[in-house]
N, C-alpha and C. Protein backbone atom coordinates (compact mmCIF):
# COMPACT_ATOMS: atom_id res chain seq x y z
N UNK A 1 -1.89 23.02 2.70
CA UNK A 1 -1.31 22.54 0.91
C UNK A 1 -0.44 21.11 1.12
N UNK A 2 0.27 21.33 2.71
CA UNK A 2 1.33 20.04 3.07
C UNK A 2 0.27 18.83 3.12
N UNK A 3 -0.82 19.37 3.86
CA UNK A 3 -1.99 17.85 3.56
C UNK A 3 -2.08 17.39 2.82
N UNK A 4 -2.26 18.31 1.43
CA UNK A 4 -2.62 17.68 0.14
C UNK A 4 -1.84 16.57 0.08
N UNK A 5 -0.76 17.64 0.03
CA UNK A 5 0.48 16.71 -0.91
C UNK A 5 0.99 15.39 -0.12
N UNK A 6 0.68 15.42 1.06
CA UNK A 6 1.24 13.96 1.88
C UNK A 6 -0.03 12.74 1.72
N UNK A 7 -0.92 13.58 1.65
CA UNK A 7 -2.57 13.18 1.06
C UNK A 7 -2.13 11.73 -0.25
N UNK A 8 -1.70 13.17 -1.20
CA UNK A 8 -1.16 12.26 -2.55
C UNK A 8 -0.50 11.07 -2.45
N UNK A 9 0.70 11.98 -1.44
CA UNK A 9 2.07 11.05 -1.66
C UNK A 9 1.66 9.44 -0.85
N UNK A 10 0.36 9.46 0.16
CA UNK A 10 0.44 8.56 0.93
C UNK A 10 -0.25 7.13 -0.09
N UNK A 11 -1.76 7.92 -0.80
CA UNK A 11 -2.62 7.12 -1.68
C UNK A 11 -1.48 6.85 -3.12
N UNK A 12 -0.88 7.29 -3.66
CA UNK A 12 0.27 6.80 -4.48
C UNK A 12 1.11 5.42 -4.21
N UNK A 13 1.75 5.37 -2.87
CA UNK A 13 1.79 4.36 -2.41
C UNK A 13 1.51 3.66 -2.06
N UNK A 14 0.19 3.93 -1.66
CA UNK A 14 -0.84 2.66 -1.13
C UNK A 14 -1.07 1.85 -3.00
N UNK A 15 -1.81 3.26 -3.61
CA UNK A 15 -1.81 2.24 -5.06
C UNK A 15 -0.87 1.27 -6.28
N UNK A 16 0.54 1.94 -6.16
CA UNK A 16 1.92 1.36 -6.33
C UNK A 16 1.87 -0.14 -5.03
N UNK A 17 1.41 -0.28 -3.94
CA UNK A 17 1.97 -1.30 -3.17
C UNK A 17 0.56 -2.22 -3.74
N UNK A 18 -0.24 -1.87 -3.85
CA UNK A 18 -2.02 -2.20 -4.20
C UNK A 18 -1.52 -3.45 -5.24
N UNK A 19 -1.12 -2.80 -6.42
CA UNK A 19 -0.83 -2.71 -7.62
C UNK A 19 -0.07 -4.13 -7.89
N UNK A 20 1.03 -4.13 -6.93
CA UNK A 20 2.20 -4.70 -6.83
C UNK A 20 1.81 -6.00 -6.66
N UNK A 21 1.22 -6.08 -5.02
CA UNK A 21 0.38 -7.50 -4.56
C UNK A 21 -0.20 -8.04 -5.92
N UNK A 22 -1.15 -7.16 -6.32
CA UNK A 22 -2.15 -7.91 -7.68
C UNK A 22 -1.10 -8.53 -8.72
N UNK A 23 -0.35 -7.89 -9.04
CA UNK A 23 0.40 -8.44 -10.02
C UNK A 23 1.09 -9.91 -9.52
N UNK A 24 1.75 -9.35 -8.42
CA UNK A 24 2.27 -10.79 -7.86
C UNK A 24 1.08 -12.18 -7.90
N UNK A 25 0.26 -11.91 -7.96
CA UNK A 25 -0.97 -13.07 -7.58
C UNK A 25 -1.26 -13.62 -8.95
N UNK A 26 -0.09 -13.36 -9.98
CA UNK A 26 -0.23 -14.10 -11.61
C UNK A 26 1.14 -15.30 -11.12
N UNK A 27 1.53 -15.65 -9.83
CA UNK A 27 2.24 -16.55 -9.52
C UNK A 27 0.84 -18.04 -9.10
N UNK A 28 -0.06 -17.26 -8.57
CA UNK A 28 -0.59 -18.50 -7.76
C UNK A 28 -1.49 -19.55 -9.23
N UNK A 29 -1.61 -19.02 -9.87
CA UNK A 29 -1.46 -20.12 -11.37
C UNK A 29 -0.68 -20.84 -11.98
N UNK A 30 0.53 -20.49 -11.44
CA UNK A 30 1.96 -21.20 -12.04
C UNK A 30 1.94 -22.07 -10.80
N UNK A 31 1.32 -23.00 -10.34
CA UNK A 31 1.10 -23.98 -8.78
C UNK A 31 2.20 -23.34 -7.15
N UNK A 32 1.95 -21.96 -7.33
CA UNK A 32 2.54 -21.58 -6.27
C UNK A 32 1.15 -21.32 -5.08
N UNK A 33 1.81 -21.80 -3.15
CA UNK A 33 0.45 -21.98 -3.35
C UNK A 33 0.40 -20.72 -2.29
N UNK A 34 -1.12 -20.75 -1.74
CA UNK A 34 -0.88 -19.15 -0.88
C UNK A 34 0.21 -19.31 0.02
N UNK A 35 0.55 -20.06 0.47
CA UNK A 35 1.94 -19.61 2.41
C UNK A 35 2.85 -19.39 1.28
N UNK A 36 2.79 -20.18 0.52
CA UNK A 36 4.36 -19.43 -0.58
C UNK A 36 4.01 -18.28 -0.83
N UNK A 37 3.02 -18.07 -1.65
CA UNK A 37 2.81 -16.57 -2.37
C UNK A 37 3.01 -15.24 -0.88
N UNK A 38 2.07 -15.52 -0.24
CA UNK A 38 2.33 -14.70 1.25
C UNK A 38 4.14 -14.59 1.78
N UNK A 39 4.59 -15.88 1.92
CA UNK A 39 6.39 -15.41 1.87
C UNK A 39 6.93 -14.68 0.92
N UNK A 40 6.54 -14.62 -0.02
CA UNK A 40 7.66 -14.32 -0.86
C UNK A 40 7.06 -12.60 -1.02
N UNK A 41 5.88 -12.17 -0.57
CA UNK A 41 5.50 -10.83 -0.94
C UNK A 41 6.15 -10.45 0.81
N UNK A 42 5.96 -11.16 1.08
CA UNK A 42 6.64 -10.80 2.57
C UNK A 42 8.31 -10.00 2.20
N UNK A 43 8.91 -10.78 1.83
CA UNK A 43 10.11 -10.06 1.45
C UNK A 43 10.30 -8.96 1.12
N UNK A 44 9.35 -8.65 -0.11
CA UNK A 44 9.15 -7.77 -1.23
C UNK A 44 9.45 -6.08 -0.73
N UNK A 45 9.79 -5.59 -0.46
CA UNK A 45 9.89 -4.09 -0.21
C UNK A 45 8.81 -3.35 -0.96
N UNK A 46 8.26 -3.72 -1.72
CA UNK A 46 7.59 -2.98 -2.48
C UNK A 46 6.28 -3.40 -2.19
N UNK A 47 5.89 -4.10 -1.61
CA UNK A 47 4.67 -4.51 -1.09
C UNK A 47 4.20 -3.79 0.52
N UNK A 48 5.57 -3.52 0.72
CA UNK A 48 4.98 -2.57 2.10
C UNK A 48 4.76 -1.26 1.57
N UNK A 49 4.88 -1.12 0.48
CA UNK A 49 4.32 0.35 0.33
C UNK A 49 2.33 0.46 0.52
N UNK A 50 2.01 -0.58 0.47
CA UNK A 50 0.52 -0.39 0.48
C UNK A 50 -0.28 -0.12 1.97
N UNK A 51 0.54 -1.03 2.92
CA UNK A 51 0.20 -0.34 4.66
C UNK A 51 0.53 0.99 4.94
N UNK A 52 1.82 1.12 4.29
CA UNK A 52 2.26 2.50 4.60
C UNK A 52 1.81 3.53 4.38
N UNK A 53 1.15 3.52 2.78
CA UNK A 53 0.27 4.76 1.87
C UNK A 53 -0.89 4.54 2.92
N UNK A 54 -1.41 3.32 3.47
CA UNK A 54 -3.09 3.74 4.35
C UNK A 54 -2.58 4.63 5.69
N UNK A 55 -1.53 4.06 6.63
CA UNK A 55 -1.22 4.32 7.49
C UNK A 55 -1.33 6.21 6.91
N UNK A 56 -0.33 6.60 6.29
CA UNK A 56 0.22 7.66 5.70
C UNK A 56 -1.34 8.81 5.17
N UNK A 57 -2.28 8.08 5.38
CA UNK A 57 -3.37 8.95 4.65
C UNK A 57 -4.26 8.93 5.45
N UNK A 58 -4.59 7.81 6.17
CA UNK A 58 -4.87 8.27 8.07
C UNK A 58 -4.62 8.92 9.07
N UNK A 59 -2.89 9.10 8.96
CA UNK A 59 -2.41 9.95 9.62
C UNK A 59 -2.68 11.43 9.17
N UNK A 60 -2.62 11.82 7.99
CA UNK A 60 -3.47 13.43 7.19
C UNK A 60 -4.56 13.48 7.98
N UNK A 61 -5.27 12.18 7.50
CA UNK A 61 -6.80 12.68 7.30
C UNK A 61 -7.59 12.94 9.11
N UNK A 62 -6.79 12.69 9.88
CA UNK A 62 -7.34 12.29 11.43
C UNK A 62 -6.29 13.54 11.94
N UNK A 63 -5.41 14.45 11.33
CA UNK A 63 -4.66 15.80 11.53
C UNK A 63 -4.99 16.51 10.93
N UNK A 64 -5.85 16.71 10.05
CA UNK A 64 -5.91 17.51 9.01
C UNK A 64 -7.25 18.50 9.82
N UNK A 65 -7.02 19.96 10.02
CA UNK A 65 -8.03 20.96 10.91
C UNK A 65 -9.04 20.91 10.19
N UNK A 66 -10.21 20.67 10.69
CA UNK A 66 -11.41 20.77 10.69
C UNK A 66 -12.10 21.95 10.79
N UNK A 67 -13.07 22.97 10.09
CA UNK A 67 -13.62 24.03 10.85
C UNK A 67 -14.74 23.61 11.68
N UNK A 68 -14.87 24.29 12.45
CA UNK A 68 -16.59 23.78 13.12
C UNK A 68 -17.42 25.30 13.32
């Protein structure tokens, strides 16, 4: 049950971070360059949820006890 809960938390963080990064892409049509965009999202804490969630899900999947 603990692995399932940690996986769901990681999945939720990854979704939140991904949606935030995609939402900030709305700055691009407003004249912001790609470099300015990446500098902007690198300073936003909520954009770090995507890699954190992916790492969390990977750790849970690798440590999950498999029956053989």
